C-alpha cells in the first residue's frame, strides 16, 4: 500500500511541475510550438536517466520506495509521450510540416542524449 501512496504523491508533484512548465513556456515562448512538452520530455529523460543510473550503482543503499516515488511517481506524472504524439499530429494537421518534423526528430534524439547525460552525471556524482 505504501508504494501506491508514493506513486500518488510523486505523480501529483510531477503533474504540477508539468503544468507550471507548460504555462510558463506558453507565456514566455509562445503557444504556436509545443515548447512545454519539448522541455518536459528532455528534462524528464535527463531526470529519469540520472535517477535510474544512480539507483543501479547504489542499489543496496537506496530505499526502493524512493525509487518508485521518483521514477513512477514524479517522472511518470511529469512526462508523457502521448502528449508528444498528439501535439505532433496537431502540427501536421495544421500544415506545419517543418515544425512537426523538427519536433518529431529532436524530441527523441535529445531525449536519448539527455538520458545518457543523466547517467554520466550520476557516475560523476558517485565518484
Protein backbone atom coordinates (compact mmCIF):
# COMPACT_ATOMS: atom_id res chain seq x y z
CA UNK A 1 0.00 0.00 0.00
CA UNK A 2 2.90 2.35 0.77
CA UNK A 3 4.11 2.10 -2.86
CA UNK A 4 0.74 3.29 -4.12
CA UNK A 5 0.91 6.29 -1.82
CA UNK A 6 4.42 7.09 -3.10
CA UNK A 7 3.23 6.90 -6.72
CA UNK A 8 0.18 9.02 -5.89
CA UNK A 9 2.17 11.78 -4.18
CA UNK A 10 5.02 11.71 -6.71
CA UNK A 11 2.59 11.71 -9.62
CA UNK A 12 0.88 14.78 -8.20
CA UNK A 13 4.20 16.57 -7.84
CA UNK A 14 5.22 15.63 -11.39
CA UNK A 15 1.88 16.73 -12.83
CA UNK A 16 2.04 20.10 -11.07
CA UNK A 17 5.61 20.63 -12.32
CA UNK A 18 4.46 19.74 -15.83
CA UNK A 19 1.60 22.23 -15.59
CA UNK A 20 3.89 25.02 -14.35
CA UNK A 21 6.42 24.45 -17.14
CA UNK A 22 3.66 24.34 -19.77
CA UNK A 23 2.10 27.59 -18.54
CA UNK A 24 5.46 29.36 -18.30
CA UNK A 25 6.65 28.17 -21.70
CA UNK A 26 3.39 29.27 -23.33
CA UNK A 27 3.70 32.65 -21.64
CA UNK A 28 7.35 33.29 -22.45
CA UNK A 29 7.98 31.24 -25.60
CA UNK A 30 4.54 31.21 -27.20
CA UNK A 31 1.97 28.50 -27.76
CA UNK A 32 2.50 28.05 -31.52
CA UNK A 33 5.06 25.30 -30.92
CA UNK A 34 4.77 22.76 -28.07
CA UNK A 35 7.80 24.12 -26.20
CA UNK A 36 6.46 22.99 -22.83
CA UNK A 37 6.18 19.34 -23.81
CA UNK A 38 9.53 19.55 -25.59
CA UNK A 39 11.23 20.91 -22.45
CA UNK A 40 9.39 18.41 -20.25
CA UNK A 41 10.38 15.40 -22.38
CA UNK A 42 14.04 16.43 -22.45
CA UNK A 43 14.34 17.28 -18.76
CA UNK A 44 12.24 14.24 -17.83
CA UNK A 45 14.61 11.99 -19.77
CA UNK A 46 17.58 13.61 -18.03
CA UNK A 47 15.97 13.14 -14.61
CA UNK A 48 14.97 9.53 -15.23
CA UNK A 49 18.40 8.65 -16.63
CA UNK A 50 20.10 10.20 -13.63
CA UNK A 51 17.88 8.53 -11.01
CA UNK A 52 17.96 5.07 -12.58
CA UNK A 53 21.73 5.14 -13.15
CA UNK A 54 22.28 6.31 -9.59
CA UNK A 55 19.98 3.59 -8.28
CA UNK A 56 21.74 0.91 -10.33
CA UNK A 57 25.13 1.91 -8.93
CA UNK A 58 23.90 2.14 -5.34
CA UNK A 59 21.13 -0.43 -5.34
CA UNK A 60 21.94 -1.78 -1.88
CA UNK A 61 21.89 1.69 -0.29
CA UNK A 62 18.76 3.14 -1.85
CA UNK A 63 15.28 2.63 -0.49
CA UNK A 64 13.15 1.01 -3.23
CA UNK A 65 10.22 3.20 -2.17
CA UNK A 66 12.28 6.28 -3.02
CA UNK A 67 12.99 4.91 -6.50
CA UNK A 68 9.27 4.24 -7.03
CA UNK A 69 8.45 7.75 -5.80
CA UNK A 70 10.99 9.40 -8.11
CA UNK A 71 10.55 7.28 -11.26
CA UNK A 72 6.97 6.04 -11.47
CA UNK A 73 5.64 8.88 -9.34
CA UNK A 74 7.38 12.16 -10.20
CA UNK A 75 8.77 11.23 -13.63
CA UNK A 76 5.54 9.43 -14.58
CA UNK A 77 3.42 12.44 -13.66
CA UNK A 78 5.88 14.84 -15.28
CA UNK A 79 6.48 13.46 -18.76
CA UNK A 80 4.41 11.52 -21.22
CA UNK A 81 4.89 10.83 -24.87
CA UNK A 82 1.17 10.55 -25.52
CA UNK A 83 1.02 14.33 -25.41
CA UNK A 84 4.05 14.41 -27.70
CA UNK A 85 2.24 12.24 -30.24
CA UNK A 86 -0.94 14.29 -30.11
CA UNK A 87 0.85 17.62 -30.47
CA UNK A 88 2.85 16.24 -33.41
CA UNK A 89 -0.38 15.24 -35.10
CA UNK A 90 -1.88 18.69 -34.48
CA UNK A 91 1.15 20.36 -36.09
CA UNK A 92 0.87 18.04 -39.11
CA UNK A 93 -2.88 18.69 -39.45
CA UNK A 94 -2.22 22.45 -39.31
CA UNK A 95 0.19 22.02 -42.22
CA UNK A 96 3.23 22.96 -40.15
CA UNK A 97 5.36 20.24 -41.65
CA UNK A 98 8.76 21.74 -40.80
CA UNK A 99 7.75 22.34 -37.17
CA UNK A 100 6.27 18.86 -36.83
CA UNK A 101 9.30 17.17 -38.37
CA UNK A 102 11.74 19.10 -36.17
CA UNK A 103 9.62 18.27 -33.12
CA UNK A 104 9.35 14.58 -34.05
CA UNK A 105 13.07 14.31 -34.78
CA UNK A 106 14.58 16.41 -31.99
CA UNK A 107 12.49 15.16 -29.05
CA UNK A 108 13.62 11.51 -29.12
CA UNK A 109 17.20 12.33 -30.16
CA UNK A 110 17.69 14.95 -27.45
CA UNK A 111 15.80 12.70 -25.01
CA UNK A 112 18.31 9.91 -25.60
CA UNK A 113 21.23 12.32 -25.32
CA UNK A 114 19.77 13.74 -22.10
CA UNK A 115 19.23 10.27 -20.62
CA UNK A 116 22.86 9.44 -21.45
CA UNK A 117 23.98 12.73 -19.88
CA UNK A 118 21.91 11.89 -16.80
CA UNK A 119 23.73 8.56 -16.44
CA UNK A 120 27.04 10.39 -16.91
CA UNK A 121 26.13 12.89 -14.16
CA UNK A 122 25.19 10.01 -11.87
CA UNK A 123 28.61 8.45 -12.44
CA UNK A 124 30.31 11.76 -11.66
CA UNK A 125 28.19 12.08 -8.54
CA UNK A 126 29.16 8.59 -7.40
CA UNK A 127 32.88 9.30 -7.75
